[in-house]
Structure formats: C-alpha cells, structure tokens
Amino acid sequence: MKSSFLTYVLAALLSLACNQALQGQQRPTEAPLTNASVVKLSKAGFKEKTIISLIFARSPNFDLSADRLIDLKRSGVSEKGGLIGF
C-alpha cells in the first residue's frame, strides 16, 4: 500500500513538473520596459493609468539619471504617468 501511494505521489509531482516546464516554454519573453518604451507609449497617446500599470507589471530597465529624466520630460512624459516622480 505504501508503495502504490508513493508511486502515485511521484507520478503527480512529475506531471506537475512537466506541466510547469511546458507552460514556461510557451510564454514569450517580454523585453524589459525602458525609458524609450515609456516615451513611445506616451507619444502614442496611452493614458497615464495604463503606463503606470505597465511600469508595475513589467520588469524595468530604466535609466533614472538626471539627464535621462530631463529627456523624458522634454519628450512629453508627464511627471504623474511616467518615470518622472517615481
């Protein structure tokens, strides 16, 4: 009885591991969100709320140096909806 239970548990764990591996392979890898991405979204007319949601949802690769923040502001990214102010 112990043997059949152990076999069942091992089979279930193997099934779960295979399922997780397949799911990981099927998901496309999203590029990190960058300053240029935020500028592009802002210029395309996306709402501040949408841009903020994306900033929190995606992995970031922002350059927050003073010069890059100035570039964002000059590019029309609002302080509320972009990287400026975070």
C-alpha atoms as a PDB file:
ATOM      1  CA  MET A   1       0.000   0.000   0.000  1.00  0.00           C
ATOM      2  CA  LYS A   2       2.839   2.408   0.842  1.00  0.00           C
ATOM      3  CA  SER A   3       4.476   1.564  -2.453  1.00  0.00           C
ATOM      4  CA  SER A   4       1.412   2.377  -4.558  1.00  0.00           C
ATOM      5  CA  PHE A   5       0.828   5.627  -2.667  1.00  0.00           C
ATOM      6  CA  LEU A   6       4.447   6.671  -3.194  1.00  0.00           C
ATOM      7  CA  THR A   7       4.188   5.814  -6.892  1.00  0.00           C
ATOM      8  CA  TYR A   8       1.025   7.923  -7.170  1.00  0.00           C
ATOM      9  CA  VAL A   9       2.656  10.903  -5.423  1.00  0.00           C
ATOM     10  CA  LEU A  10       5.781  10.683  -7.582  1.00  0.00           C
ATOM     11  CA  ALA A  11       3.677  10.471 -10.746  1.00  0.00           C
ATOM     12  CA  ALA A  12       1.654  13.512  -9.683  1.00  0.00           C
ATOM     13  CA  LEU A  13       4.804  15.514  -8.930  1.00  0.00           C
ATOM     14  CA  LEU A  14       6.362  14.517 -12.255  1.00  0.00           C
ATOM     15  CA  SER A  15       3.180  15.525 -14.057  1.00  0.00           C
ATOM     16  CA  LEU A  16       3.155  18.925 -12.327  1.00  0.00           C
ATOM     17  CA  ALA A  17       6.829  19.494 -13.123  1.00  0.00           C
ATOM     18  CA  CYS A  18       6.303  18.685 -16.802  1.00  0.00           C
ATOM     19  CA  ASN A  19       3.255  20.943 -16.955  1.00  0.00           C
ATOM     20  CA  GLN A  20       5.210  23.842 -15.421  1.00  0.00           C
ATOM     21  CA  ALA A  21       8.081  23.305 -17.868  1.00  0.00           C
ATOM     22  CA  LEU A  22       5.736  23.332 -20.853  1.00  0.00           C
ATOM     23  CA  GLN A  23       3.966  26.474 -19.668  1.00  0.00           C
ATOM     24  CA  GLY A  24       7.289  28.218 -19.227  1.00  0.00           C
ATOM     25  CA  GLN A  25       8.320  27.359 -22.792  1.00  0.00           C
ATOM     26  CA  GLN A  26       5.081  28.609 -24.331  1.00  0.00           C
ATOM     27  CA  ARG A  27       5.196  32.100 -22.817  1.00  0.00           C
ATOM     28  CA  PRO A  28       7.036  34.631 -24.919  1.00  0.00           C
ATOM     29  CA  THR A  29       9.699  36.546 -23.063  1.00  0.00           C
ATOM     30  CA  GLU A  30       8.768  40.185 -22.687  1.00  0.00           C
ATOM     31  CA  ALA A  31      11.506  42.734 -23.117  1.00  0.00           C
ATOM     32  CA  PRO A  32      12.097  44.935 -20.081  1.00  0.00           C
ATOM     33  CA  LEU A  33      10.359  48.299 -20.015  1.00  0.00           C
ATOM     34  CA  THR A  34      12.789  51.138 -20.764  1.00  0.00           C
ATOM     35  CA  ASN A  35      12.745  54.929 -20.873  1.00  0.00           C
ATOM     36  CA  ALA A  36      12.268  54.708 -24.646  1.00  0.00           C
ATOM     37  CA  SER A  37       9.266  52.401 -24.150  1.00  0.00           C
ATOM     38  CA  VAL A  38       7.615  54.898 -21.822  1.00  0.00           C
ATOM     39  CA  VAL A  39       8.235  57.760 -24.271  1.00  0.00           C
ATOM     40  CA  LYS A  40       6.779  55.662 -27.097  1.00  0.00           C
ATOM     41  CA  LEU A  41       3.656  54.803 -25.095  1.00  0.00           C
ATOM     42  CA  SER A  42       3.205  58.411 -24.023  1.00  0.00           C
ATOM     43  CA  LYS A  43       3.550  59.743 -27.575  1.00  0.00           C
ATOM     44  CA  ALA A  44       1.113  57.095 -28.814  1.00  0.00           C
ATOM     45  CA  GLY A  45      -1.499  58.578 -26.504  1.00  0.00           C
ATOM     46  CA  PHE A  46      -1.739  55.887 -23.835  1.00  0.00           C
ATOM     47  CA  LYS A  47      -3.343  57.072 -20.615  1.00  0.00           C
ATOM     48  CA  GLU A  48      -1.196  57.724 -17.573  1.00  0.00           C
ATOM     49  CA  LYS A  49      -3.018  54.953 -15.726  1.00  0.00           C
ATOM     50  CA  THR A  50      -2.069  52.422 -18.412  1.00  0.00           C
ATOM     51  CA  ILE A  51       1.580  53.450 -18.418  1.00  0.00           C
ATOM     52  CA  ILE A  52       1.728  53.242 -14.625  1.00  0.00           C
ATOM     53  CA  SER A  53       0.189  49.747 -14.731  1.00  0.00           C
ATOM     54  CA  LEU A  54       2.790  48.622 -17.245  1.00  0.00           C
ATOM     55  CA  ILE A  55       5.614  50.045 -15.151  1.00  0.00           C
ATOM     56  CA  PHE A  56       4.484  47.951 -12.195  1.00  0.00           C
ATOM     57  CA  ALA A  57       3.703  44.834 -14.267  1.00  0.00           C
ATOM     58  CA  ARG A  58       6.862  44.553 -16.368  1.00  0.00           C
ATOM     59  CA  SER A  59      10.449  44.149 -15.368  1.00  0.00           C
ATOM     60  CA  PRO A  60      12.105  47.569 -15.511  1.00  0.00           C
ATOM     61  CA  ASN A  61      15.331  48.664 -17.125  1.00  0.00           C
ATOM     62  CA  PHE A  62      15.122  52.404 -16.540  1.00  0.00           C
ATOM     63  CA  ASP A  63      17.880  54.988 -16.578  1.00  0.00           C
ATOM     64  CA  LEU A  64      16.926  57.439 -13.847  1.00  0.00           C
ATOM     65  CA  SER A  65      19.912  59.745 -14.171  1.00  0.00           C
ATOM     66  CA  ALA A  66      19.163  63.463 -14.201  1.00  0.00           C
ATOM     67  CA  ASP A  67      19.859  63.771 -17.940  1.00  0.00           C
ATOM     68  CA  ARG A  68      17.526  60.900 -18.831  1.00  0.00           C
ATOM     69  CA  LEU A  69      14.747  62.270 -16.609  1.00  0.00           C
ATOM     70  CA  ILE A  70      15.103  65.626 -18.358  1.00  0.00           C
ATOM     71  CA  ASP A  71      14.895  63.796 -21.705  1.00  0.00           C
ATOM     72  CA  LEU A  72      11.658  62.134 -20.564  1.00  0.00           C
ATOM     73  CA  LYS A  73      10.149  65.457 -19.565  1.00  0.00           C
ATOM     74  CA  ARG A  74      11.175  67.067 -22.868  1.00  0.00           C
ATOM     75  CA  SER A  75       9.659  64.090 -24.703  1.00  0.00           C
ATOM     76  CA  GLY A  76       6.276  64.856 -23.174  1.00  0.00           C
ATOM     77  CA  VAL A  77       6.136  62.151 -20.499  1.00  0.00           C
ATOM     78  CA  SER A  78       4.081  63.530 -17.632  1.00  0.00           C
ATOM     79  CA  GLU A  79       5.528  63.517 -14.147  1.00  0.00           C
ATOM     80  CA  LYS A  80       2.453  61.665 -12.937  1.00  0.00           C
ATOM     81  CA  GLY A  81       2.240  58.971 -15.599  1.00  0.00           C
ATOM     82  CA  GLY A  82       5.808  58.201 -16.452  1.00  0.00           C
ATOM     83  CA  LEU A  83       9.067  57.555 -14.742  1.00  0.00           C
ATOM     84  CA  ILE A  84       9.334  61.100 -13.518  1.00  0.00           C
ATOM     85  CA  GLY A  85       8.128  61.226  -9.944  1.00  0.00           C
ATOM     86  CA  PHE A  86       8.740  57.555  -9.160  1.00  0.00           C
END
